[in-house]
Amino acid sequence: MLHLCLRRVVIVCTERTSEVCISGKKSLKHTMKFGLPQGSVVGPVMFCYYTYPLSEIIQKHKLKYHRYADDTQLYIKFNPKIPGDAICALHKIQECIKDIKLWMIINNLKLNDDKTELFIAA
């Protein structure tokens, strides 16, 4: 049974085609090399598997994180009463994001800078 399920996942990921319909006219079918159908139930889970190395990158920088589908939140604690602690925390996050961006470029993904935010809670 497991083999059958895995085979189905492989088919969905590698053997699908796509076409466009404009004003009732369909384009030729195009074989998709990457991705899953938009809105697919398995999409968020498969994206997490594909991007699992991001967890390793984040852990290497000793940051806490939460991930779901294409949303990743990084966390770090610092003591504002200790001189330089906030700057050190910011530097750690910047270095981690730099490594994440590099990994994403190599793996045909793009970090959306417009949706990247820094939030400080006291």
PDB file of N, CA and C in Angstrom:
ATOM      1  N   MET A   1       0.826  -1.198   0.000  1.00  0.00           N
ATOM      2  CA  MET A   1       0.000   0.000   0.000  1.00  0.00           C
ATOM      3  C   MET A   1       0.871   1.263   0.000  1.00  0.00           C
ATOM      4  N   LEU A   2       1.928   1.269   0.833  1.00  0.00           N
ATOM      5  CA  LEU A   2       2.815   2.433   0.897  1.00  0.00           C
ATOM      6  C   LEU A   2       3.446   2.697  -0.463  1.00  0.00           C
ATOM      7  N   HIS A   3       3.876   1.628  -1.140  1.00  0.00           N
ATOM      8  CA  HIS A   3       4.488   1.773  -2.460  1.00  0.00           C
ATOM      9  C   HIS A   3       3.509   2.444  -3.429  1.00  0.00           C
ATOM     10  N   LEU A   4       2.265   2.075  -3.381  1.00  0.00           N
ATOM     11  CA  LEU A   4       1.231   2.654  -4.252  1.00  0.00           C
ATOM     12  C   LEU A   4       1.044   4.141  -3.954  1.00  0.00           C
ATOM     13  N   CYS A   5       1.038   4.494  -2.666  1.00  0.00           N
ATOM     14  CA  CYS A   5       0.901   5.901  -2.281  1.00  0.00           C
ATOM     15  C   CYS A   5       2.086   6.723  -2.766  1.00  0.00           C
ATOM     16  N   LEU A   6       3.292   6.193  -2.574  1.00  0.00           N
ATOM     17  CA  LEU A   6       4.489   6.913  -3.026  1.00  0.00           C
ATOM     18  C   LEU A   6       4.499   7.069  -4.539  1.00  0.00           C
ATOM     19  N   ARG A   7       4.057   6.048  -5.242  1.00  0.00           N
ATOM     20  CA  ARG A   7       3.985   6.117  -6.712  1.00  0.00           C
ATOM     21  C   ARG A   7       3.033   7.235  -7.134  1.00  0.00           C
ATOM     22  N   ARG A   8       1.925   7.358  -6.440  1.00  0.00           N
ATOM     23  CA  ARG A   8       0.944   8.407  -6.762  1.00  0.00           C
ATOM     24  C   ARG A   8       1.549   9.791  -6.545  1.00  0.00           C
ATOM     25  N   VAL A   9       2.315   9.951  -5.470  1.00  0.00           N
ATOM     26  CA  VAL A   9       2.982  11.227  -5.198  1.00  0.00           C
ATOM     27  C   VAL A   9       3.974  11.548  -6.307  1.00  0.00           C
ATOM     28  N   VAL A  10       4.735  10.549  -6.743  1.00  0.00           N
ATOM     29  CA  VAL A  10       5.703  10.758  -7.828  1.00  0.00           C
ATOM     30  C   VAL A  10       4.983  11.183  -9.103  1.00  0.00           C
ATOM     31  N   ILE A  11       3.866  10.552  -9.413  1.00  0.00           N
ATOM     32  CA  ILE A  11       3.103  10.908 -10.616  1.00  0.00           C
ATOM     33  C   ILE A  11       2.621  12.355 -10.527  1.00  0.00           C
ATOM     34  N   VAL A  12       2.059  12.740  -9.381  1.00  0.00           N
ATOM     35  CA  VAL A  12       1.551  14.104  -9.214  1.00  0.00           C
ATOM     36  C   VAL A  12       2.674  15.116  -9.363  1.00  0.00           C
ATOM     37  N   CYS A  13       3.866  14.763  -8.893  1.00  0.00           N
ATOM     38  CA  CYS A  13       4.991  15.710  -8.920  1.00  0.00           C
ATOM     39  C   CYS A  13       5.722  15.742 -10.256  1.00  0.00           C
ATOM     40  N   THR A  14       5.721  14.643 -10.999  1.00  0.00           N
ATOM     41  CA  THR A  14       6.596  14.592 -12.175  1.00  0.00           C
ATOM     42  C   THR A  14       5.910  14.290 -13.496  1.00  0.00           C
ATOM     43  N   GLU A  15       4.711  13.777 -13.474  1.00  0.00           N
ATOM     44  CA  GLU A  15       4.093  13.335 -14.729  1.00  0.00           C
ATOM     45  C   GLU A  15       2.792  14.066 -15.011  1.00  0.00           C
ATOM     46  N   ARG A  16       2.757  15.355 -14.723  1.00  0.00           N
ATOM     47  CA  ARG A  16       1.507  16.068 -14.962  1.00  0.00           C
ATOM     48  C   ARG A  16       1.696  17.087 -16.080  1.00  0.00           C
ATOM     49  N   THR A  17       0.581  17.452 -16.676  1.00  0.00           N
ATOM     50  CA  THR A  17       0.610  18.445 -17.742  1.00  0.00           C
ATOM     51  C   THR A  17      -0.284  19.611 -17.342  1.00  0.00           C
ATOM     52  N   SER A  18      -0.101  20.709 -18.043  1.00  0.00           N
ATOM     53  CA  SER A  18      -0.901  21.894 -17.778  1.00  0.00           C
ATOM     54  C   SER A  18      -1.296  22.520 -19.108  1.00  0.00           C
ATOM     55  N   GLU A  19      -2.465  23.141 -19.106  1.00  0.00           N
ATOM     56  CA  GLU A  19      -2.902  23.862 -20.294  1.00  0.00           C
ATOM     57  C   GLU A  19      -3.660  25.106 -19.843  1.00  0.00           C
ATOM     58  N   VAL A  20      -3.768  26.060 -20.738  1.00  0.00           N
ATOM     59  CA  VAL A  20      -4.445  27.318 -20.449  1.00  0.00           C
ATOM     60  C   VAL A  20      -5.655  27.430 -21.366  1.00  0.00           C
ATOM     61  N   CYS A  21      -6.748  27.940 -20.825  1.00  0.00           N
ATOM     62  CA  CYS A  21      -7.950  28.153 -21.623  1.00  0.00           C
ATOM     63  C   CYS A  21      -8.279  29.649 -21.608  1.00  0.00           C
ATOM     64  N   ILE A  22      -8.247  30.276 -22.795  1.00  0.00           N
ATOM     65  CA  ILE A  22      -8.563  31.699 -22.921  1.00  0.00           C
ATOM     66  C   ILE A  22      -9.668  31.840 -23.956  1.00  0.00           C
ATOM     67  N   SER A  23     -10.753  32.458 -23.552  1.00  0.00           N
ATOM     68  CA  SER A  23     -11.918  32.660 -24.417  1.00  0.00           C
ATOM     69  C   SER A  23     -12.381  31.344 -25.037  1.00  0.00           C
ATOM     70  N   GLY A  24     -12.348  30.281 -24.257  1.00  0.00           N
ATOM     71  CA  GLY A  24     -12.839  28.985 -24.719  1.00  0.00           C
ATOM     72  C   GLY A  24     -11.855  28.207 -25.573  1.00  0.00           C
ATOM     73  N   LYS A  25     -10.679  28.768 -25.850  1.00  0.00           N
ATOM     74  CA  LYS A  25      -9.680  28.067 -26.667  1.00  0.00           C
ATOM     75  C   LYS A  25      -8.561  27.561 -25.771  1.00  0.00           C
ATOM     76  N   LYS A  26      -8.293  26.255 -25.868  1.00  0.00           N
ATOM     77  CA  LYS A  26      -7.263  25.637 -25.039  1.00  0.00           C
ATOM     78  C   LYS A  26      -5.909  25.655 -25.747  1.00  0.00           C
ATOM     79  N   SER A  27      -4.890  25.874 -24.949  1.00  0.00           N
ATOM     80  CA  SER A  27      -3.523  25.809 -25.471  1.00  0.00           C
ATOM     81  C   SER A  27      -3.112  24.341 -25.582  1.00  0.00           C
ATOM     82  N   LEU A  28      -1.951  24.126 -26.169  1.00  0.00           N
ATOM     83  CA  LEU A  28      -1.380  22.782 -26.179  1.00  0.00           C
ATOM     84  C   LEU A  28      -0.982  22.425 -24.751  1.00  0.00           C
ATOM     85  N   LYS A  29      -0.998  21.141 -24.438  1.00  0.00           N
ATOM     86  CA  LYS A  29      -0.579  20.702 -23.112  1.00  0.00           C
ATOM     87  C   LYS A  29       0.931  20.812 -23.002  1.00  0.00           C
ATOM     88  N   HIS A  30       1.363  21.218 -21.821  1.00  0.00           N
ATOM     89  CA  HIS A  30       2.786  21.395 -21.539  1.00  0.00           C
ATOM     90  C   HIS A  30       3.146  20.522 -20.337  1.00  0.00           C
ATOM     91  N   THR A  31       4.191  19.708 -20.467  1.00  0.00           N
ATOM     92  CA  THR A  31       4.623  18.870 -19.350  1.00  0.00           C
ATOM     93  C   THR A  31       5.310  19.743 -18.310  1.00  0.00           C
ATOM     94  N   MET A  32       4.875  19.599 -17.069  1.00  0.00           N
ATOM     95  CA  MET A  32       5.432  20.389 -15.968  1.00  0.00           C
ATOM     96  C   MET A  32       6.625  19.650 -15.375  1.00  0.00           C
ATOM     97  N   LYS A  33       7.754  20.354 -15.278  1.00  0.00           N
ATOM     98  CA  LYS A  33       8.958  19.756 -14.704  1.00  0.00           C
ATOM     99  C   LYS A  33       8.993  19.917 -13.192  1.00  0.00           C
ATOM    100  N   PHE A  34       8.356  20.966 -12.684  1.00  0.00           N
ATOM    101  CA  PHE A  34       8.406  21.274 -11.258  1.00  0.00           C
ATOM    102  C   PHE A  34       7.009  21.593 -10.753  1.00  0.00           C
ATOM    103  N   GLY A  35       6.836  21.456  -9.454  1.00  0.00           N
ATOM    104  CA  GLY A  35       5.650  21.979  -8.797  1.00  0.00           C
ATOM    105  C   GLY A  35       4.498  21.012  -8.681  1.00  0.00           C
ATOM    106  N   LEU A  36       3.489  21.501  -7.980  1.00  0.00           N
ATOM    107  CA  LEU A  36       2.251  20.764  -7.755  1.00  0.00           C
ATOM    108  C   LEU A  36       1.097  21.640  -8.210  1.00  0.00           C
ATOM    109  N   PRO A  37      -0.043  21.042  -8.469  1.00  0.00           N
ATOM    110  CA  PRO A  37      -1.191  21.865  -8.857  1.00  0.00           C
ATOM    111  C   PRO A  37      -1.537  22.862  -7.746  1.00  0.00           C
ATOM    112  N   GLN A  38      -1.797  24.088  -8.135  1.00  0.00           N
ATOM    113  CA  GLN A  38      -2.165  25.098  -7.145  1.00  0.00           C
ATOM    114  C   GLN A  38      -3.456  24.680  -6.454  1.00  0.00           C
ATOM    115  N   GLY A  39      -3.478  24.834  -5.133  1.00  0.00           N
ATOM    116  CA  GLY A  39      -4.641  24.459  -4.363  1.00  0.00           C
ATOM    117  C   GLY A  39      -4.706  22.982  -4.015  1.00  0.00           C
ATOM    118  N   SER A  40      -3.653  22.233  -4.365  1.00  0.00           N
ATOM    119  CA  SER A  40      -3.669  20.803  -4.059  1.00  0.00           C
ATOM    120  C   SER A  40      -3.588  20.585  -2.549  1.00  0.00           C
ATOM    121  N   VAL A  41      -4.228  19.547  -2.075  1.00  0.00           N
ATOM    122  CA  VAL A  41      -4.249  19.227  -0.656  1.00  0.00           C
ATOM    123  C   VAL A  41      -2.850  18.875  -0.159  1.00  0.00           C
ATOM    124  N   VAL A  42      -2.069  18.206  -0.990  1.00  0.00           N
ATOM    125  CA  VAL A  42      -0.726  17.788  -0.568  1.00  0.00           C
ATOM    126  C   VAL A  42       0.320  18.874  -0.764  1.00  0.00           C
ATOM    127  N   GLY A  43      -0.049  19.973  -1.410  1.00  0.00           N
ATOM    128  CA  GLY A  43       0.908  21.032  -1.714  1.00  0.00           C
ATOM    129  C   GLY A  43       1.685  21.542  -0.516  1.00  0.00           C
ATOM    130  N   PRO A  44       1.014  21.978   0.564  1.00  0.00           N
ATOM    131  CA  PRO A  44       1.753  22.489   1.721  1.00  0.00           C
ATOM    132  C   PRO A  44       2.696  21.466   2.346  1.00  0.00           C
ATOM    133  N   VAL A  45       2.248  20.212   2.420  1.00  0.00           N
ATOM    134  CA  VAL A  45       3.094  19.169   3.010  1.00  0.00           C
ATOM    135  C   VAL A  45       4.300  18.888   2.111  1.00  0.00           C
ATOM    136  N   MET A  46       4.056  18.770   0.819  1.00  0.00           N
ATOM    137  CA  MET A  46       5.154  18.497  -0.114  1.00  0.00           C
ATOM    138  C   MET A  46       6.160  19.657  -0.128  1.00  0.00           C
ATOM    139  N   PHE A  47       5.664  20.879  -0.031  1.00  0.00           N
ATOM    140  CA  PHE A  47       6.568  22.030   0.007  1.00  0.00           C
ATOM    141  C   PHE A  47       7.448  21.959   1.251  1.00  0.00           C
ATOM    142  N   CYS A  48       6.886  21.535   2.371  1.00  0.00           N
ATOM    143  CA  CYS A  48       7.676  21.386   3.605  1.00  0.00           C
ATOM    144  C   CYS A  48       8.767  20.335   3.424  1.00  0.00           C
ATOM    145  N   TYR A  49       8.438  19.220   2.756  1.00  0.00           N
ATOM    146  CA  TYR A  49       9.464  18.206   2.484  1.00  0.00           C
ATOM    147  C   TYR A  49      10.566  18.771   1.586  1.00  0.00           C
ATOM    148  N   TYR A  50      10.157  19.463   0.539  1.00  0.00           N
ATOM    149  CA  TYR A  50      11.118  20.022  -0.418  1.00  0.00           C
ATOM    150  C   TYR A  50      12.050  21.024   0.259  1.00  0.00           C
ATOM    151  N   THR A  51      11.496  21.804   1.177  1.00  0.00           N
ATOM    152  CA  THR A  51      12.284  22.863   1.814  1.00  0.00           C
ATOM    153  C   THR A  51      12.816  22.458   3.190  1.00  0.00           C
ATOM    154  N   TYR A  52      12.806  21.172   3.493  1.00  0.00           N
ATOM    155  CA  TYR A  52      13.303  20.713   4.792  1.00  0.00           C
ATOM    156  C   TYR A  52      14.719  21.219   5.106  1.00  0.00           C
ATOM    157  N   PRO A  53      15.609  21.309   4.118  1.00  0.00           N
ATOM    158  CA  PRO A  53      16.954  21.820   4.429  1.00  0.00           C
ATOM    159  C   PRO A  53      16.955  23.210   5.070  1.00  0.00           C
ATOM    160  N   LEU A  54      15.891  23.979   4.882  1.00  0.00           N
ATOM    161  CA  LEU A  54      15.816  25.281   5.550  1.00  0.00           C
ATOM    162  C   LEU A  54      15.848  25.117   7.068  1.00  0.00           C
ATOM    163  N   SER A  55      15.214  24.070   7.566  1.00  0.00           N
ATOM    164  CA  SER A  55      15.234  23.806   9.008  1.00  0.00           C
ATOM    165  C   SER A  55      16.665  23.605   9.493  1.00  0.00           C
ATOM    166  N   GLU A  56      17.445  22.888   8.702  1.00  0.00           N
ATOM    167  CA  GLU A  56      18.847  22.645   9.077  1.00  0.00           C
ATOM    168  C   GLU A  56      19.657  23.939   9.061  1.00  0.00           C
ATOM    169  N   ILE A  57      19.386  24.796   8.091  1.00  0.00           N
ATOM    170  CA  ILE A  57      20.084  26.089   8.019  1.00  0.00           C
ATOM    171  C   ILE A  57      19.750  26.922   9.245  1.00  0.00           C
ATOM    172  N   ILE A  58      18.476  26.982   9.590  1.00  0.00           N
ATOM    173  CA  ILE A  58      18.027  27.782  10.735  1.00  0.00           C
ATOM    174  C   ILE A  58      18.635  27.236  12.035  1.00  0.00           C
ATOM    175  N   GLN A  59      18.640  25.921  12.179  1.00  0.00           N
ATOM    176  CA  GLN A  59      19.214  25.309  13.378  1.00  0.00           C
ATOM    177  C   GLN A  59      20.713  25.579  13.477  1.00  0.00           C
ATOM    178  N   LYS A  60      21.388  25.608  12.336  1.00  0.00           N
ATOM    179  CA  LYS A  60      22.824  25.911  12.319  1.00  0.00           C
ATOM    180  C   LYS A  60      23.096  27.292  12.915  1.00  0.00           C
ATOM    181  N   HIS A  61      22.166  28.212  12.722  1.00  0.00           N
ATOM    182  CA  HIS A  61      22.305  29.577  13.249  1.00  0.00           C
ATOM    183  C   HIS A  61      21.756  29.700  14.674  1.00  0.00           C
ATOM    184  N   LYS A  62      21.315  28.569  15.231  1.00  0.00           N
ATOM    185  CA  LYS A  62      20.815  28.503  16.608  1.00  0.00           C
ATOM    186  C   LYS A  62      19.609  29.424  16.854  1.00  0.00           C
ATOM    187  N   LEU A  63      18.730  29.471  15.846  1.00  0.00           N
ATOM    188  CA  LEU A  63      17.489  30.230  15.973  1.00  0.00           C
ATOM    189  C   LEU A  63      16.337  29.266  16.183  1.00  0.00           C
ATOM    190  N   LYS A  64      15.292  29.731  16.819  1.00  0.00           N
ATOM    191  CA  LYS A  64      14.038  28.991  16.926  1.00  0.00           C
ATOM    192  C   LYS A  64      13.207  29.352  15.695  1.00  0.00           C
ATOM    193  N   TYR A  65      12.304  28.461  15.314  1.00  0.00           N
ATOM    194  CA  TYR A  65      11.512  28.734  14.116  1.00  0.00           C
ATOM    195  C   TYR A  65      10.188  27.991  14.149  1.00  0.00           C
ATOM    196  N   HIS A  66       9.288  28.437  13.289  1.00  0.00           N
ATOM    197  CA  HIS A  66       8.010  27.778  13.049  1.00  0.00           C
ATOM    198  C   HIS A  66       7.775  27.843  11.547  1.00  0.00           C
ATOM    199  N   ARG A  67       7.395  26.713  10.956  1.00  0.00           N
ATOM    200  CA  ARG A  67       7.161  26.670   9.507  1.00  0.00           C
ATOM    201  C   ARG A  67       5.835  25.995   9.208  1.00  0.00           C
ATOM    202  N   TYR A  68       5.141  26.524   8.218  1.00  0.00           N
ATOM    203  CA  TYR A  68       3.995  25.855   7.621  1.00  0.00           C
ATOM    204  C   TYR A  68       3.922  26.295   6.170  1.00  0.00           C
ATOM    205  N   ALA A  69       3.939  25.323   5.289  1.00  0.00           N
ATOM    206  CA  ALA A  69       3.923  25.585   3.845  1.00  0.00           C
ATOM    207  C   ALA A  69       5.022  26.586   3.502  1.00  0.00           C
ATOM    208  N   ASP A  70       4.662  27.718   2.899  1.00  0.00           N
ATOM    209  CA  ASP A  70       5.698  28.670   2.473  1.00  0.00           C
ATOM    210  C   ASP A  70       5.911  29.795   3.485  1.00  0.00           C
ATOM    211  N   ASP A  71       5.429  29.614   4.695  1.00  0.00           N
ATOM    212  CA  ASP A  71       5.587  30.634   5.731  1.00  0.00           C
ATOM    213  C   ASP A  71       6.579  30.141   6.777  1.00  0.00           C
ATOM    214  N   THR A  72       7.607  30.919   7.014  1.00  0.00           N
ATOM    215  CA  THR A  72       8.618  30.585   8.019  1.00  0.00           C
ATOM    216  C   THR A  72       8.780  31.769   8.948  1.00  0.00           C
ATOM    217  N   GLN A  73       8.748  31.489  10.241  1.00  0.00           N
ATOM    218  CA  GLN A  73       8.958  32.531  11.248  1.00  0.00           C
ATOM    219  C   GLN A  73      10.201  32.165  12.045  1.00  0.00           C
ATOM    220  N   LEU A  74      11.114  33.125  12.173  1.00  0.00           N
ATOM    221  CA  LEU A  74      12.335  32.943  12.950  1.00  0.00           C
ATOM    222  C   LEU A  74      12.182  33.659  14.279  1.00  0.00           C
ATOM    223  N   TYR A  75      12.714  33.048  15.332  1.00  0.00           N
ATOM    224  CA  TYR A  75      12.632  33.641  16.668  1.00  0.00           C
ATOM    225  C   TYR A  75      14.011  33.653  17.312  1.00  0.00           C
ATOM    226  N   ILE A  76      14.283  34.717  18.050  1.00  0.00           N
ATOM    227  CA  ILE A  76      15.495  34.784  18.849  1.00  0.00           C
ATOM    228  C   ILE A  76      15.209  35.655  20.069  1.00  0.00           C
ATOM    229  N   LYS A  77      15.721  35.232  21.208  1.00  0.00           N
ATOM    230  CA  LYS A  77      15.568  36.026  22.427  1.00  0.00           C
ATOM    231  C   LYS A  77      16.840  36.835  22.643  1.00  0.00           C
ATOM    232  N   PHE A  78      16.652  38.035  23.175  1.00  0.00           N
ATOM    233  CA  PHE A  78      17.796  38.839  23.573  1.00  0.00           C
ATOM    234  C   PHE A  78      17.383  39.699  24.753  1.00  0.00           C
ATOM    235  N   ASN A  79      18.377  40.154  25.477  1.00  0.00           N
ATOM    236  CA  ASN A  79      18.133  40.980  26.651  1.00  0.00           C
ATOM    237  C   ASN A  79      18.480  42.423  26.305  1.00  0.00           C
ATOM    238  N   PRO A  80      17.478  43.318  26.212  1.00  0.00           N
ATOM    239  CA  PRO A  80      17.754  44.704  25.838  1.00  0.00           C
ATOM    240  C   PRO A  80      18.583  45.464  26.881  1.00  0.00           C
ATOM    241  N   LYS A  81      18.693  44.897  28.068  1.00  0.00           N
ATOM    242  CA  LYS A  81      19.489  45.555  29.112  1.00  0.00           C
ATOM    243  C   LYS A  81      20.984  45.261  28.971  1.00  0.00           C
ATOM    244  N   ILE A  82      21.308  44.259  28.170  1.00  0.00           N
ATOM    245  CA  ILE A  82      22.719  43.919  27.949  1.00  0.00           C
ATOM    246  C   ILE A  82      23.193  44.673  26.707  1.00  0.00           C
ATOM    247  N   PRO A  83      24.199  45.541  26.863  1.00  0.00           N
ATOM    248  CA  PRO A  83      24.694  46.307  25.712  1.00  0.00           C
ATOM    249  C   PRO A  83      25.135  45.377  24.571  1.00  0.00           C
ATOM    250  N   GLY A  84      24.637  45.657  23.386  1.00  0.00           N
ATOM    251  CA  GLY A  84      25.033  44.909  22.194  1.00  0.00           C
ATOM    252  C   GLY A  84      24.258  43.622  21.957  1.00  0.00           C
ATOM    253  N   ASP A  85      23.432  43.197  22.905  1.00  0.00           N
ATOM    254  CA  ASP A  85      22.705  41.933  22.744  1.00  0.00           C
ATOM    255  C   ASP A  85      21.695  42.008  21.597  1.00  0.00           C
ATOM    256  N   ALA A  86      20.993  43.135  21.471  1.00  0.00           N
ATOM    257  CA  ALA A  86      20.023  43.302  20.386  1.00  0.00           C
ATOM    258  C   ALA A  86      20.728  43.308  19.030  1.00  0.00           C
ATOM    259  N   ILE A  87      21.874  43.979  18.948  1.00  0.00           N
ATOM    260  CA  ILE A  87      22.637  44.027  17.694  1.00  0.00           C
ATOM    261  C   ILE A  87      23.139  42.635  17.330  1.00  0.00           C
ATOM    262  N   CYS A  88      23.584  41.885  18.325  1.00  0.00           N
ATOM    263  CA  CYS A  88      24.052  40.518  18.095  1.00  0.00           C
ATOM    264  C   CYS A  88      22.909  39.643  17.575  1.00  0.00           C
ATOM    265  N   ALA A  89      21.716  39.772  18.162  1.00  0.00           N
ATOM    266  CA  ALA A  89      20.548  39.003  17.723  1.00  0.00           C
ATOM    267  C   ALA A  89      20.175  39.364  16.289  1.00  0.00           C
ATOM    268  N   LEU A  90      20.179  40.654  15.985  1.00  0.00           N
ATOM    269  CA  LEU A  90      19.873  41.107  14.628  1.00  0.00           C
ATOM    270  C   LEU A  90      20.882  40.544  13.632  1.00  0.00           C
ATOM    271  N   HIS A  91      22.150  40.545  13.992  1.00  0.00           N
ATOM    272  CA  HIS A  91      23.202  40.010  13.117  1.00  0.00           C
ATOM    273  C   HIS A  91      22.972  38.517  12.857  1.00  0.00           C
ATOM    274  N   LYS A  92      22.598  37.761  13.897  1.00  0.00           N
ATOM    275  CA  LYS A  92      22.332  36.327  13.720  1.00  0.00           C
ATOM    276  C   LYS A  92      21.190  36.098  12.735  1.00  0.00           C
ATOM    277  N   ILE A  93      20.124  36.887  12.874  1.00  0.00           N
ATOM    278  CA  ILE A  93      18.984  36.745  11.961  1.00  0.00           C
ATOM    279  C   ILE A  93      19.394  37.114  10.528  1.00  0.00           C
ATOM    280  N   GLN A  94      20.155  38.196  10.365  1.00  0.00           N
ATOM    281  CA  GLN A  94      20.594  38.610   9.030  1.00  0.00           C
ATOM    282  C   GLN A  94      21.461  37.532   8.368  1.00  0.00           C
ATOM    283  N   GLU A  95      22.364  36.933   9.131  1.00  0.00           N
ATOM    284  CA  GLU A  95      23.227  35.883   8.574  1.00  0.00           C
ATOM    285  C   GLU A  95      22.403  34.657   8.186  1.00  0.00           C
ATOM    286  N   CYS A  96      21.420  34.316   9.002  1.00  0.00           N
ATOM    287  CA  CYS A  96      20.553  33.181   8.691  1.00  0.00           C
ATOM    288  C   CYS A  96      19.764  33.452   7.414  1.00  0.00           C
ATOM    289  N   ILE A  97      19.197  34.640   7.295  1.00  0.00           N
ATOM    290  CA  ILE A  97      18.420  34.992   6.098  1.00  0.00           C
ATOM    291  C   ILE A  97      19.314  34.980   4.860  1.00  0.00           C
ATOM    292  N   LYS A  98      20.551  35.416   5.005  1.00  0.00           N
ATOM    293  CA  LYS A  98      21.494  35.377   3.879  1.00  0.00           C
ATOM    294  C   LYS A  98      21.702  33.935   3.404  1.00  0.00           C
ATOM    295  N   ASP A  99      21.878  33.007   4.345  1.00  0.00           N
ATOM    296  CA  ASP A  99      22.045  31.597   3.977  1.00  0.00           C
ATOM    297  C   ASP A  99      20.763  31.010   3.390  1.00  0.00           C
ATOM    298  N   ILE A 100      19.611  31.414   3.919  1.00  0.00           N
ATOM    299  CA  ILE A 100      18.334  30.950   3.378  1.00  0.00           C
ATOM    300  C   ILE A 100      18.174  31.421   1.933  1.00  0.00           C
ATOM    301  N   LYS A 101      18.490  32.685   1.673  1.00  0.00           N
ATOM    302  CA  LYS A 101      18.377  33.220   0.305  1.00  0.00           C
ATOM    303  C   LYS A 101      19.268  32.448  -0.658  1.00  0.00           C
ATOM    304  N   LEU A 102      20.486  32.150  -0.240  1.00  0.00           N
ATOM    305  CA  LEU A 102      21.415  31.401  -1.096  1.00  0.00           C
ATOM    306  C   LEU A 102      20.843  30.017  -1.405  1.00  0.00           C
ATOM    307  N   TRP A 103      20.350  29.328  -0.371  1.00  0.00           N
ATOM    308  CA  TRP A 103      19.768  28.002  -0.585  1.00  0.00           C
ATOM    309  C   TRP A 103      18.578  28.092  -1.543  1.00  0.00           C
ATOM    310  N   MET A 104      17.761  29.114  -1.386  1.00  0.00           N
ATOM    311  CA  MET A 104      16.581  29.260  -2.232  1.00  0.00           C
ATOM    312  C   MET A 104      16.966  29.505  -3.695  1.00  0.00           C
ATOM    313  N   ILE A 105      17.969  30.320  -3.923  1.00  0.00           N
ATOM    314  CA  ILE A 105      18.431  30.569  -5.298  1.00  0.00           C
ATOM    315  C   ILE A 105      18.882  29.264  -5.941  1.00  0.00           C
ATOM    316  N   ILE A 106      19.676  28.501  -5.210  1.00  0.00           N
ATOM    317  CA  ILE A 106      20.186  27.224  -5.723  1.00  0.00           C
ATOM    318  C   ILE A 106      19.044  26.259  -6.030  1.00  0.00           C
ATOM    319  N   ASN A 107      17.943  26.353  -5.278  1.00  0.00           N
ATOM    320  CA  ASN A 107      16.831  25.408  -5.412  1.00  0.00           C
ATOM    321  C   ASN A 107      15.604  25.991  -6.110  1.00  0.00           C
ATOM    322  N   ASN A 108      15.827  26.999  -6.949  1.00  0.00           N
ATOM    323  CA  ASN A 108      14.778  27.570  -7.808  1.00  0.00           C
ATOM    324  C   ASN A 108      13.613  28.181  -7.033  1.00  0.00           C
ATOM    325  N   LEU A 109      13.917  28.800  -5.902  1.00  0.00           N
ATOM    326  CA  LEU A 109      12.898  29.490  -5.113  1.00  0.00           C
ATOM    327  C   LEU A 109      13.347  30.928  -4.901  1.00  0.00           C
ATOM    328  N   LYS A 110      12.431  31.784  -4.471  1.00  0.00           N
ATOM    329  CA  LYS A 110      12.766  33.184  -4.236  1.00  0.00           C
ATOM    330  C   LYS A 110      12.143  33.635  -2.928  1.00  0.00           C
ATOM    331  N   LEU A 111      12.947  34.241  -2.090  1.00  0.00           N
ATOM    332  CA  LEU A 111      12.450  34.840  -0.860  1.00  0.00           C
ATOM    333  C   LEU A 111      11.810  36.174  -1.224  1.00  0.00           C
ATOM    334  N   ASN A 112      10.576  36.362  -0.818  1.00  0.00           N
ATOM    335  CA  ASN A 112       9.861  37.598  -1.138  1.00  0.00           C
ATOM    336  C   ASN A 112      10.261  38.674  -0.132  1.00  0.00           C
ATOM    337  N   ASP A 113      11.151  39.564  -0.543  1.00  0.00           N
ATOM    338  CA  ASP A 113      11.633  40.621   0.346  1.00  0.00           C
ATOM    339  C   ASP A 113      10.503  41.528   0.832  1.00  0.00           C
ATOM    340  N   ASP A 114       9.463  41.697   0.015  1.00  0.00           N
ATOM    341  CA  ASP A 114       8.341  42.557   0.405  1.00  0.00           C
ATOM    342  C   ASP A 114       7.534  41.964   1.563  1.00  0.00           C
ATOM    343  N   LYS A 115       7.627  40.650   1.747  1.00  0.00           N
ATOM    344  CA  LYS A 115       6.888  40.005   2.828  1.00  0.00           C
ATOM    345  C   LYS A 115       7.793  39.622   4.003  1.00  0.00           C
ATOM    346  N   THR A 116       9.049  40.012   3.928  1.00  0.00           N
ATOM    347  CA  THR A 116       9.997  39.704   4.989  1.00  0.00           C
ATOM    348  C   THR A 116       9.976  40.859   5.989  1.00  0.00           C
ATOM    349  N   GLU A 117       9.658  40.512   7.230  1.00  0.00           N
ATOM    350  CA  GLU A 117       9.508  41.536   8.265  1.00  0.00           C
ATOM    351  C   GLU A 117      10.324  41.184   9.498  1.00  0.00           C
ATOM    352  N   LEU A 118      10.677  42.200  10.263  1.00  0.00           N
ATOM    353  CA  LEU A 118      11.286  42.012  11.574  1.00  0.00           C
ATOM    354  C   LEU A 118      10.332  42.573  12.603  1.00  0.00           C
ATOM    355  N   PHE A 119      10.000  41.760  13.596  1.00  0.00           N
ATOM    356  CA  PHE A 119       9.068  42.165  14.627  1.00  0.00           C
ATOM    357  C   PHE A 119       9.761  41.981  15.968  1.00  0.00           C
ATOM    358  N   ILE A 120       9.795  43.035  16.765  1.00  0.00           N
ATOM    359  CA  ILE A 120      10.412  42.959  18.090  1.00  0.00           C
ATOM    360  C   ILE A 120       9.307  43.077  19.122  1.00  0.00           C
ATOM    361  N   ALA A 121       9.240  42.080  20.008  1.00  0.00           N
ATOM    362  CA  ALA A 121       8.241  42.073  21.088  1.00  0.00           C
ATOM    363  C   ALA A 121       8.974  42.194  22.414  1.00  0.00           C
ATOM    364  N   ALA A 122       8.436  42.993  23.301  1.00  0.00           N
ATOM    365  CA  ALA A 122       9.077  43.158  24.606  1.00  0.00           C
ATOM    366  C   ALA A 122       8.246  42.501  25.687  1.00  0.00           C
TER     367      ALA A 122
END
